[in-house]
Amino acid sequence: MLFQVIVSGFVIGCVYGLIALGYSLIYKASGLMNFAQGDVLTLGCFLGYTFYTLLGLPYWLSLIITAAIAFFFGMGEERFIIRKLQNKNVLTVYVVLATISIQYILQNSIQAIWGPNMLSYPRVFPWNNVTIFGVNIQTESVFCIIMSFILMMLLQVFMNHTKFGTAMRASALDAKAAKACGINPSFATGVTWGIAAALAATAGILLGPIYGVFIMLGQTIGRKGFAAAIMGGYGNVIGAIVGGVLLGLIETMSAAYWSSTYKDMIAYGLLLIFLYVKPTGIFNEKALNR
């Protein structure tokens, strides 16, 4: 029982971590919060369902296509909405409100295209479960954990050990200095938003076979991902991962050993404790001065 609960906590925690990574990347790149992240997860879930179930494409190909569509959606969101507002020198809060507008537009668009009913993925793998330490675990759950950690490690390598990743970090730290060095900060910021959207959509297609496909899937997960980013240290990549897994484990264990009715209260209560006791998060990430 305990091991199954831990695995379930890791599954949802890894998804929180992917969403938190998106929040952290966007904050590092532009000092903003994108509250549409959770609904991009929902979009990825529905797109994955369409490619895999309705069109019959292989699951891995559906995952790649979904992530690519989300990447360009994120870039377009930054290029045609966020940047336009910033060029008008509006208050930052107005830009954040624009992302909330995008959130509701996505929700209603998804409902208009796919309908309000919950949809179910067929099995992704030919074998239903794998046995770990004598406990049967759903294969899709194990795959979700493995893929999440692979994506997190690849992002770390990309951001810290590639020229473009270095350019993205330089643009986030000082756009004017980066531009003086021949870097295009606007393009780097757009790519960052695209990567954040691709991570959210990938989380959606990984989660769909486990939880099903429904309109409000990303709303709760998006908020929890935001909480995970704050707990880990808002803007810290490693902190996003740690915060997501920590939140997922605490939430799942409280639901299993106390009551699922109060798991949200515990999750957000934990967030309040972090905000009050350690607002810089586990990894002591300081707020950016912009």
C-alpha atoms as a PDB file:
ATOM      1  CA  MET A   1       0.000   0.000   0.000  1.00  0.00           C
ATOM      2  CA  LEU A   2       2.703   2.496   1.006  1.00  0.00           C
ATOM      3  CA  PHE A   3       4.751   1.874  -2.138  1.00  0.00           C
ATOM      4  CA  GLN A   4       1.698   2.360  -4.374  1.00  0.00           C
ATOM      5  CA  VAL A   5       0.927   5.627  -2.606  1.00  0.00           C
ATOM      6  CA  ILE A   6       4.532   6.777  -3.096  1.00  0.00           C
ATOM      7  CA  VAL A   7       4.401   5.931  -6.807  1.00  0.00           C
ATOM      8  CA  SER A   8       1.095   7.806  -7.173  1.00  0.00           C
ATOM      9  CA  GLY A   9       2.661  10.756  -5.368  1.00  0.00           C
ATOM     10  CA  PHE A  10       5.637  10.707  -7.709  1.00  0.00           C
ATOM     11  CA  VAL A  11       3.379  10.555 -10.793  1.00  0.00           C
ATOM     12  CA  ILE A  12       1.356  13.636  -9.918  1.00  0.00           C
ATOM     13  CA  GLY A  13       4.418  15.282  -8.337  1.00  0.00           C
ATOM     14  CA  CYS A  14       6.400  14.933 -11.572  1.00  0.00           C
ATOM     15  CA  VAL A  15       3.529  16.542 -13.473  1.00  0.00           C
ATOM     16  CA  TYR A  16       3.456  19.384 -10.935  1.00  0.00           C
ATOM     17  CA  GLY A  17       7.201  19.653 -11.478  1.00  0.00           C
ATOM     18  CA  LEU A  18       6.835  20.001 -15.262  1.00  0.00           C
ATOM     19  CA  ILE A  19       4.216  22.723 -14.835  1.00  0.00           C
ATOM     20  CA  ALA A  20       6.376  24.429 -12.184  1.00  0.00           C
ATOM     21  CA  LEU A  21       9.318  24.325 -14.591  1.00  0.00           C
ATOM     22  CA  GLY A  22       7.239  26.255 -17.110  1.00  0.00           C
ATOM     23  CA  TYR A  23       6.324  28.887 -14.522  1.00  0.00           C
ATOM     24  CA  SER A  24       9.967  29.196 -13.474  1.00  0.00           C
ATOM     25  CA  LEU A  25      11.282  29.484 -17.034  1.00  0.00           C
ATOM     26  CA  ILE A  26       8.787  32.202 -17.934  1.00  0.00           C
ATOM     27  CA  TYR A  27       9.531  34.119 -14.747  1.00  0.00           C
ATOM     28  CA  LYS A  28      13.275  33.906 -15.367  1.00  0.00           C
ATOM     29  CA  ALA A  29      12.860  35.058 -18.974  1.00  0.00           C
ATOM     30  CA  SER A  30      10.383  37.893 -18.521  1.00  0.00           C
ATOM     31  CA  GLY A  31       9.554  38.354 -14.833  1.00  0.00           C
ATOM     32  CA  LEU A  32       5.934  37.358 -15.522  1.00  0.00           C
ATOM     33  CA  MET A  33       3.477  34.654 -14.508  1.00  0.00           C
ATOM     34  CA  ASN A  34       1.531  32.726 -17.144  1.00  0.00           C
ATOM     35  CA  PHE A  35      -1.678  31.458 -15.594  1.00  0.00           C
ATOM     36  CA  ALA A  36      -2.629  29.686 -18.834  1.00  0.00           C
ATOM     37  CA  GLN A  37      -0.042  26.963 -18.174  1.00  0.00           C
ATOM     38  CA  GLY A  38      -2.560  24.549 -16.672  1.00  0.00           C
ATOM     39  CA  ASP A  39      -4.917  24.866 -19.620  1.00  0.00           C
ATOM     40  CA  VAL A  40      -2.063  24.287 -22.058  1.00  0.00           C
ATOM     41  CA  LEU A  41      -1.726  20.957 -20.212  1.00  0.00           C
ATOM     42  CA  THR A  42      -5.410  20.294 -20.934  1.00  0.00           C
ATOM     43  CA  LEU A  43      -4.876  21.241 -24.577  1.00  0.00           C
ATOM     44  CA  GLY A  44      -1.938  18.816 -24.786  1.00  0.00           C
ATOM     45  CA  CYS A  45      -4.067  16.083 -23.260  1.00  0.00           C
ATOM     46  CA  PHE A  46      -6.838  16.555 -25.847  1.00  0.00           C
ATOM     47  CA  LEU A  47      -4.401  16.883 -28.746  1.00  0.00           C
ATOM     48  CA  GLY A  48      -2.641  13.696 -27.651  1.00  0.00           C
ATOM     49  CA  TYR A  49      -6.004  11.923 -27.456  1.00  0.00           C
ATOM     50  CA  THR A  50      -6.856  13.108 -30.974  1.00  0.00           C
ATOM     51  CA  PHE A  51      -3.576  12.017 -32.545  1.00  0.00           C
ATOM     52  CA  TYR A  52      -3.291   8.720 -30.686  1.00  0.00           C
ATOM     53  CA  THR A  53      -6.897   7.557 -30.362  1.00  0.00           C
ATOM     54  CA  LEU A  54      -8.797   9.198 -33.209  1.00  0.00           C
ATOM     55  CA  LEU A  55      -6.086   9.351 -35.883  1.00  0.00           C
ATOM     56  CA  GLY A  56      -4.311   6.156 -34.795  1.00  0.00           C
ATOM     57  CA  LEU A  57      -0.786   7.588 -34.712  1.00  0.00           C
ATOM     58  CA  PRO A  58       1.855   5.900 -32.533  1.00  0.00           C
ATOM     59  CA  TYR A  59       1.928   7.248 -28.986  1.00  0.00           C
ATOM     60  CA  TRP A  60       5.515   8.518 -29.239  1.00  0.00           C
ATOM     61  CA  LEU A  61       4.691  10.381 -32.472  1.00  0.00           C
ATOM     62  CA  SER A  62       1.538  11.835 -30.896  1.00  0.00           C
ATOM     63  CA  LEU A  63       3.669  13.063 -27.999  1.00  0.00           C
ATOM     64  CA  ILE A  64       6.201  14.771 -30.303  1.00  0.00           C
ATOM     65  CA  ILE A  65       3.527  16.426 -32.477  1.00  0.00           C
ATOM     66  CA  THR A  66       1.608  17.622 -29.420  1.00  0.00           C
ATOM     67  CA  ALA A  67       4.738  19.126 -27.852  1.00  0.00           C
ATOM     68  CA  ALA A  68       5.636  20.834 -31.156  1.00  0.00           C
ATOM     69  CA  ILE A  69       2.167  22.391 -31.515  1.00  0.00           C
ATOM     70  CA  ALA A  70       2.293  23.616 -27.915  1.00  0.00           C
ATOM     71  CA  PHE A  71       5.787  25.042 -28.478  1.00  0.00           C
ATOM     72  CA  PHE A  72       4.591  27.235 -31.341  1.00  0.00           C
ATOM     73  CA  PHE A  73       1.455  28.132 -29.388  1.00  0.00           C
ATOM     74  CA  GLY A  74       3.635  29.365 -26.517  1.00  0.00           C
ATOM     75  CA  MET A  75       5.870  31.351 -28.861  1.00  0.00           C
ATOM     76  CA  GLY A  76       2.811  32.889 -30.517  1.00  0.00           C
ATOM     77  CA  GLU A  77       1.291  33.753 -27.148  1.00  0.00           C
ATOM     78  CA  GLU A  78       4.436  35.633 -26.166  1.00  0.00           C
ATOM     79  CA  ARG A  79       5.005  37.246 -29.566  1.00  0.00           C
ATOM     80  CA  PHE A  80       1.502  38.437 -30.424  1.00  0.00           C
ATOM     81  CA  ILE A  81      -0.067  39.067 -27.009  1.00  0.00           C
ATOM     82  CA  ILE A  82       2.465  39.441 -24.189  1.00  0.00           C
ATOM     83  CA  ARG A  83       5.084  41.408 -26.121  1.00  0.00           C
ATOM     84  CA  LYS A  84       2.482  43.664 -27.725  1.00  0.00           C
ATOM     85  CA  LEU A  85       1.173  44.598 -24.295  1.00  0.00           C
ATOM     86  CA  GLN A  86       4.672  45.142 -22.927  1.00  0.00           C
ATOM     87  CA  ASN A  87       5.508  47.407 -25.880  1.00  0.00           C
ATOM     88  CA  LYS A  88       2.558  49.578 -24.847  1.00  0.00           C
ATOM     89  CA  ASN A  89       4.198  49.959 -21.409  1.00  0.00           C
ATOM     90  CA  VAL A  90       1.105  48.752 -19.575  1.00  0.00           C
ATOM     91  CA  LEU A  91       1.301  47.699 -15.941  1.00  0.00           C
ATOM     92  CA  THR A  92       2.620  44.187 -15.340  1.00  0.00           C
ATOM     93  CA  VAL A  93      -0.633  43.203 -13.671  1.00  0.00           C
ATOM     94  CA  TYR A  94      -2.444  43.843 -16.977  1.00  0.00           C
ATOM     95  CA  VAL A  95      -0.116  41.430 -18.754  1.00  0.00           C
ATOM     96  CA  VAL A  96      -0.807  38.789 -16.095  1.00  0.00           C
ATOM     97  CA  LEU A  97      -4.546  39.416 -16.521  1.00  0.00           C
ATOM     98  CA  ALA A  98      -4.080  38.761 -20.241  1.00  0.00           C
ATOM     99  CA  THR A  99      -2.760  35.288 -19.442  1.00  0.00           C
ATOM    100  CA  ILE A 100      -5.878  34.662 -17.332  1.00  0.00           C
ATOM    101  CA  SER A 101      -7.962  35.679 -20.351  1.00  0.00           C
ATOM    102  CA  ILE A 102      -6.023  33.208 -22.490  1.00  0.00           C
ATOM    103  CA  GLN A 103      -6.729  30.557 -19.851  1.00  0.00           C
ATOM    104  CA  TYR A 104     -10.505  30.928 -20.197  1.00  0.00           C
ATOM    105  CA  ILE A 105     -10.347  31.217 -23.981  1.00  0.00           C
ATOM    106  CA  LEU A 106      -8.473  27.907 -24.051  1.00  0.00           C
ATOM    107  CA  GLN A 107     -10.987  26.235 -21.726  1.00  0.00           C
ATOM    108  CA  ASN A 108     -13.978  27.267 -23.818  1.00  0.00           C
ATOM    109  CA  SER A 109     -12.250  26.531 -27.121  1.00  0.00           C
ATOM    110  CA  ILE A 110     -11.386  23.017 -25.970  1.00  0.00           C
ATOM    111  CA  GLN A 111     -14.972  22.456 -24.877  1.00  0.00           C
ATOM    112  CA  ALA A 112     -16.292  23.767 -28.208  1.00  0.00           C
ATOM    113  CA  ILE A 113     -14.024  21.458 -30.223  1.00  0.00           C
ATOM    114  CA  TRP A 114     -14.051  18.246 -28.171  1.00  0.00           C
ATOM    115  CA  GLY A 115     -17.224  18.613 -26.119  1.00  0.00           C
ATOM    116  CA  PRO A 116     -17.785  18.631 -22.352  1.00  0.00           C
ATOM    117  CA  ASN A 117     -17.679  14.869 -21.728  1.00  0.00           C
ATOM    118  CA  MET A 118     -14.758  12.984 -20.216  1.00  0.00           C
ATOM    119  CA  LEU A 119     -12.795  10.883 -22.717  1.00  0.00           C
ATOM    120  CA  SER A 120     -10.677   7.782 -22.132  1.00  0.00           C
ATOM    121  CA  TYR A 121      -7.380   6.753 -23.677  1.00  0.00           C
ATOM    122  CA  PRO A 122      -6.951   3.151 -24.764  1.00  0.00           C
ATOM    123  CA  ARG A 123      -3.988   1.313 -23.269  1.00  0.00           C
ATOM    124  CA  VAL A 124      -0.679   2.792 -24.375  1.00  0.00           C
ATOM    125  CA  PHE A 125       1.421  -0.310 -23.634  1.00  0.00           C
ATOM    126  CA  PRO A 126       0.554  -3.953 -24.377  1.00  0.00           C
ATOM    127  CA  TRP A 127       1.195  -4.962 -20.753  1.00  0.00           C
ATOM    128  CA  ASN A 128      -1.091  -3.482 -18.103  1.00  0.00           C
ATOM    129  CA  ASN A 129       1.201  -3.410 -15.063  1.00  0.00           C
ATOM    130  CA  VAL A 130       4.798  -3.841 -14.011  1.00  0.00           C
ATOM    131  CA  THR A 131       5.799  -5.432 -10.725  1.00  0.00           C
ATOM    132  CA  ILE A 132       8.179  -3.434  -8.522  1.00  0.00           C
ATOM    133  CA  PHE A 133       9.084  -4.750  -5.062  1.00  0.00           C
ATOM    134  CA  GLY A 134       6.169  -7.154  -5.319  1.00  0.00           C
ATOM    135  CA  VAL A 135       3.638  -4.392  -6.049  1.00  0.00           C
ATOM    136  CA  ASN A 136       1.750  -4.050  -9.347  1.00  0.00           C
ATOM    137  CA  ILE A 137       2.097  -0.536 -10.767  1.00  0.00           C
ATOM    138  CA  GLN A 138       0.320   0.797 -13.851  1.00  0.00           C
ATOM    139  CA  THR A 139       2.788   0.893 -16.740  1.00  0.00           C
ATOM    140  CA  GLU A 140       1.704   4.371 -17.797  1.00  0.00           C
ATOM    141  CA  SER A 141       2.472   5.653 -14.289  1.00  0.00           C
ATOM    142  CA  VAL A 142       6.033   4.334 -14.443  1.00  0.00           C
ATOM    143  CA  PHE A 143       6.428   5.792 -17.935  1.00  0.00           C
ATOM    144  CA  CYS A 144       5.176   9.183 -16.704  1.00  0.00           C
ATOM    145  CA  ILE A 145       7.768   9.281 -13.906  1.00  0.00           C
ATOM    146  CA  ILE A 146      10.630   8.201 -16.182  1.00  0.00           C
ATOM    147  CA  MET A 147       9.728  10.638 -18.970  1.00  0.00           C
ATOM    148  CA  SER A 148       9.312  13.519 -16.524  1.00  0.00           C
ATOM    149  CA  PHE A 149      12.780  13.024 -15.063  1.00  0.00           C
ATOM    150  CA  ILE A 150      14.295  12.611 -18.540  1.00  0.00           C
ATOM    151  CA  LEU A 151      12.703  15.891 -19.665  1.00  0.00           C
ATOM    152  CA  MET A 152      13.888  17.659 -16.534  1.00  0.00           C
ATOM    153  CA  MET A 153      17.458  16.440 -17.012  1.00  0.00           C
ATOM    154  CA  LEU A 154      17.439  17.333 -20.727  1.00  0.00           C
ATOM    155  CA  LEU A 155      16.244  20.827 -19.861  1.00  0.00           C
ATOM    156  CA  GLN A 156      19.041  21.197 -17.324  1.00  0.00           C
ATOM    157  CA  VAL A 157      21.618  20.129 -19.914  1.00  0.00           C
ATOM    158  CA  PHE A 158      20.084  22.410 -22.541  1.00  0.00           C
ATOM    159  CA  MET A 159      19.992  25.464 -20.275  1.00  0.00           C
ATOM    160  CA  ASN A 160      23.474  25.023 -18.799  1.00  0.00           C
ATOM    161  CA  HIS A 161      25.554  23.275 -21.466  1.00  0.00           C
ATOM    162  CA  THR A 162      24.418  24.624 -24.848  1.00  0.00           C
ATOM    163  CA  LYS A 163      25.104  27.967 -26.505  1.00  0.00           C
ATOM    164  CA  PHE A 164      21.443  28.755 -27.009  1.00  0.00           C
ATOM    165  CA  GLY A 165      20.621  27.816 -23.421  1.00  0.00           C
ATOM    166  CA  THR A 166      23.361  30.177 -22.267  1.00  0.00           C
ATOM    167  CA  ALA A 167      21.928  32.868 -24.540  1.00  0.00           C
ATOM    168  CA  MET A 168      18.499  32.357 -22.990  1.00  0.00           C
ATOM    169  CA  ARG A 169      19.897  32.696 -19.473  1.00  0.00           C
ATOM    170  CA  ALA A 170      21.899  35.789 -20.474  1.00  0.00           C
ATOM    171  CA  SER A 171      18.796  37.405 -21.976  1.00  0.00           C
ATOM    172  CA  ALA A 172      16.857  36.706 -18.800  1.00  0.00           C
ATOM    173  CA  LEU A 173      19.553  38.246 -16.578  1.00  0.00           C
ATOM    174  CA  ASP A 174      20.236  41.377 -18.632  1.00  0.00           C
ATOM    175  CA  ALA A 175      18.536  41.837 -22.000  1.00  0.00           C
ATOM    176  CA  LYS A 176      20.527  44.960 -22.929  1.00  0.00           C
ATOM    177  CA  ALA A 177      23.897  43.350 -22.207  1.00  0.00           C
ATOM    178  CA  ALA A 178      22.831  40.196 -24.066  1.00  0.00           C
ATOM    179  CA  LYS A 179      21.812  42.278 -27.084  1.00  0.00           C
ATOM    180  CA  ALA A 180      25.198  44.005 -27.026  1.00  0.00           C
ATOM    181  CA  CYS A 181      26.798  40.544 -27.277  1.00  0.00           C
ATOM    182  CA  GLY A 182      24.819  39.703 -30.419  1.00  0.00           C
ATOM    183  CA  ILE A 183      21.994  37.779 -28.738  1.00  0.00           C
ATOM    184  CA  ASN A 184      18.374  38.359 -29.762  1.00  0.00           C
ATOM    185  CA  PRO A 185      16.583  38.672 -26.390  1.00  0.00           C
ATOM    186  CA  SER A 186      13.110  38.801 -27.975  1.00  0.00           C
ATOM    187  CA  PHE A 187      13.630  35.498 -29.782  1.00  0.00           C
ATOM    188  CA  ALA A 188      15.166  33.900 -26.689  1.00  0.00           C
ATOM    189  CA  THR A 189      12.180  34.954 -24.583  1.00  0.00           C
ATOM    190  CA  GLY A 190       9.768  33.588 -27.186  1.00  0.00           C
ATOM    191  CA  VAL A 191      11.592  30.250 -27.216  1.00  0.00           C
ATOM    192  CA  THR A 192      11.390  30.148 -23.409  1.00  0.00           C
ATOM    193  CA  TRP A 193       7.618  30.590 -23.517  1.00  0.00           C
ATOM    194  CA  GLY A 194       7.476  27.893 -26.200  1.00  0.00           C
ATOM    195  CA  ILE A 195       9.472  25.439 -24.086  1.00  0.00           C
ATOM    196  CA  ALA A 196       7.229  26.149 -21.088  1.00  0.00           C
ATOM    197  CA  ALA A 197       4.116  25.416 -23.184  1.00  0.00           C
ATOM    198  CA  ALA A 198       5.683  22.254 -24.628  1.00  0.00           C
ATOM    199  CA  LEU A 199       6.462  20.990 -21.108  1.00  0.00           C
ATOM    200  CA  ALA A 200       2.862  21.597 -20.020  1.00  0.00           C
ATOM    201  CA  ALA A 201       1.410  19.858 -23.085  1.00  0.00           C
ATOM    202  CA  THR A 202       3.779  16.910 -22.617  1.00  0.00           C
ATOM    203  CA  ALA A 203       2.605  16.634 -19.006  1.00  0.00           C
ATOM    204  CA  GLY A 204      -0.952  16.493 -20.347  1.00  0.00           C
ATOM    205  CA  ILE A 205      -0.353  13.662 -22.783  1.00  0.00           C
ATOM    206  CA  LEU A 206       1.566  11.729 -20.101  1.00  0.00           C
ATOM    207  CA  LEU A 207      -1.246  12.205 -17.587  1.00  0.00           C
ATOM    208  CA  GLY A 208      -4.153  11.509 -19.958  1.00  0.00           C
ATOM    209  CA  PRO A 209      -3.853   7.693 -20.024  1.00  0.00           C
ATOM    210  CA  ILE A 210      -3.759   7.665 -16.206  1.00  0.00           C
ATOM    211  CA  TYR A 211      -6.451  10.159 -15.202  1.00  0.00           C
ATOM    212  CA  GLY A 212      -8.553  10.424 -18.364  1.00  0.00           C
ATOM    213  CA  VAL A 213      -9.191  13.453 -20.559  1.00  0.00           C
ATOM    214  CA  PHE A 214     -11.518  16.206 -19.322  1.00  0.00           C
ATOM    215  CA  ILE A 215     -11.866  19.971 -19.528  1.00  0.00           C
ATOM    216  CA  MET A 216     -10.886  20.880 -15.972  1.00  0.00           C
ATOM    217  CA  LEU A 217      -7.853  18.564 -15.794  1.00  0.00           C
ATOM    218  CA  GLY A 218      -5.317  21.345 -16.108  1.00  0.00           C
ATOM    219  CA  GLN A 219      -6.981  23.946 -13.927  1.00  0.00           C
ATOM    220  CA  THR A 220      -6.270  22.265 -10.597  1.00  0.00           C
ATOM    221  CA  ILE A 221      -2.903  20.937 -11.751  1.00  0.00           C
ATOM    222  CA  GLY A 222      -1.902  24.388 -12.991  1.00  0.00           C
ATOM    223  CA  ARG A 223      -2.549  25.931  -9.579  1.00  0.00           C
ATOM    224  CA  LYS A 224      -0.688  23.115  -7.829  1.00  0.00           C
ATOM    225  CA  GLY A 225       2.220  23.530 -10.248  1.00  0.00           C
ATOM    226  CA  PHE A 226       2.359  27.217  -9.349  1.00  0.00           C
ATOM    227  CA  ALA A 227       2.382  26.281  -5.668  1.00  0.00           C
ATOM    228  CA  ALA A 228       5.180  23.778  -6.317  1.00  0.00           C
ATOM    229  CA  ALA A 229       7.254  26.447  -8.074  1.00  0.00           C
ATOM    230  CA  ILE A 230       6.924  28.758  -5.050  1.00  0.00           C
ATOM    231  CA  MET A 231       7.752  25.987  -2.584  1.00  0.00           C
ATOM    232  CA  GLY A 232      10.884  25.008  -4.487  1.00  0.00           C
ATOM    233  CA  GLY A 233      11.989  28.605  -5.015  1.00  0.00           C
ATOM    234  CA  TYR A 234      10.143  30.580  -7.687  1.00  0.00           C
ATOM    235  CA  GLY A 235      12.355  30.794 -10.758  1.00  0.00           C
ATOM    236  CA  ASN A 236      14.673  27.948  -9.689  1.00  0.00           C
ATOM    237  CA  VAL A 237      14.648  25.000 -12.123  1.00  0.00           C
ATOM    238  CA  ILE A 238      15.785  22.358  -9.633  1.00  0.00           C
ATOM    239  CA  GLY A 239      13.469  23.869  -7.033  1.00  0.00           C
ATOM    240  CA  ALA A 240      10.506  23.400  -9.392  1.00  0.00           C
ATOM    241  CA  ILE A 241      11.223  19.676  -9.622  1.00  0.00           C
ATOM    242  CA  VAL A 242      11.760  19.224  -5.887  1.00  0.00           C
ATOM    243  CA  GLY A 243       8.722  21.340  -5.015  1.00  0.00           C
ATOM    244  CA  GLY A 244       6.522  19.379  -7.413  1.00  0.00           C
ATOM    245  CA  VAL A 245       7.539  15.971  -6.095  1.00  0.00           C
ATOM    246  CA  LEU A 246       7.301  17.123  -2.477  1.00  0.00           C
ATOM    247  CA  LEU A 247       3.811  18.535  -2.992  1.00  0.00           C
ATOM    248  CA  GLY A 248       2.673  15.427  -4.879  1.00  0.00           C
ATOM    249  CA  LEU A 249       3.896  13.083  -2.143  1.00  0.00           C
ATOM    250  CA  ILE A 250       2.364  15.096   0.718  1.00  0.00           C
ATOM    251  CA  GLU A 251      -0.944  15.485  -1.109  1.00  0.00           C
ATOM    252  CA  THR A 252      -1.192  11.793  -2.039  1.00  0.00           C
ATOM    253  CA  MET A 253      -0.225  10.535   1.397  1.00  0.00           C
ATOM    254  CA  SER A 254      -2.720  12.829   3.105  1.00  0.00           C
ATOM    255  CA  ALA A 255      -5.441  11.547   0.783  1.00  0.00           C
ATOM    256  CA  ALA A 256      -4.492   7.911   1.387  1.00  0.00           C
ATOM    257  CA  TYR A 257      -3.989   8.001   5.149  1.00  0.00           C
ATOM    258  CA  TRP A 258      -6.357  10.745   6.200  1.00  0.00           C
ATOM    259  CA  SER A 259      -9.015  11.908   3.729  1.00  0.00           C
ATOM    260  CA  SER A 260      -9.048  12.864   0.059  1.00  0.00           C
ATOM    261  CA  THR A 261     -11.596  15.551   0.982  1.00  0.00           C
ATOM    262  CA  TYR A 262      -8.916  17.664   2.645  1.00  0.00           C
ATOM    263  CA  LYS A 263      -5.950  17.090   0.318  1.00  0.00           C
ATOM    264  CA  ASP A 264      -6.353  20.507  -1.358  1.00  0.00           C
ATOM    265  CA  MET A 265      -6.558  22.197   2.023  1.00  0.00           C
ATOM    266  CA  ILE A 266      -3.315  20.497   3.047  1.00  0.00           C
ATOM    267  CA  ALA A 267      -1.575  21.418  -0.209  1.00  0.00           C
ATOM    268  CA  TYR A 268      -2.490  25.090  -0.060  1.00  0.00           C
ATOM    269  CA  GLY A 269      -1.977  25.202   3.691  1.00  0.00           C
ATOM    270  CA  LEU A 270       1.568  23.997   3.053  1.00  0.00           C
ATOM    271  CA  LEU A 271       1.960  26.773   0.476  1.00  0.00           C
ATOM    272  CA  LEU A 272       0.879  29.376   3.037  1.00  0.00           C
ATOM    273  CA  ILE A 273       3.405  27.991   5.526  1.00  0.00           C
ATOM    274  CA  PHE A 274       6.171  28.349   2.937  1.00  0.00           C
ATOM    275  CA  LEU A 275       5.074  31.891   2.074  1.00  0.00           C
ATOM    276  CA  TYR A 276       5.119  32.855   5.731  1.00  0.00           C
ATOM    277  CA  VAL A 277       8.194  30.947   6.974  1.00  0.00           C
ATOM    278  CA  LYS A 278      10.370  30.623   3.870  1.00  0.00           C
ATOM    279  CA  PRO A 279       9.081  32.777   0.985  1.00  0.00           C
ATOM    280  CA  THR A 280      12.262  32.200  -1.031  1.00  0.00           C
ATOM    281  CA  GLY A 281      11.465  28.477  -1.169  1.00  0.00           C
ATOM    282  CA  ILE A 282      13.637  25.454  -0.519  1.00  0.00           C
ATOM    283  CA  PHE A 283      16.439  26.729  -2.771  1.00  0.00           C
ATOM    284  CA  ASN A 284      16.352  30.347  -1.542  1.00  0.00           C
ATOM    285  CA  GLU A 285      15.506  31.883  -4.899  1.00  0.00           C
ATOM    286  CA  LYS A 286      15.397  35.669  -4.706  1.00  0.00           C
ATOM    287  CA  ALA A 287      12.838  37.721  -6.624  1.00  0.00           C
ATOM    288  CA  LEU A 288      14.053  39.405  -9.772  1.00  0.00           C
ATOM    289  CA  ASN A 289      14.293  43.177  -9.759  1.00  0.00           C
ATOM    290  CA  ARG A 290      12.830  44.478 -13.016  1.00  0.00           C
END
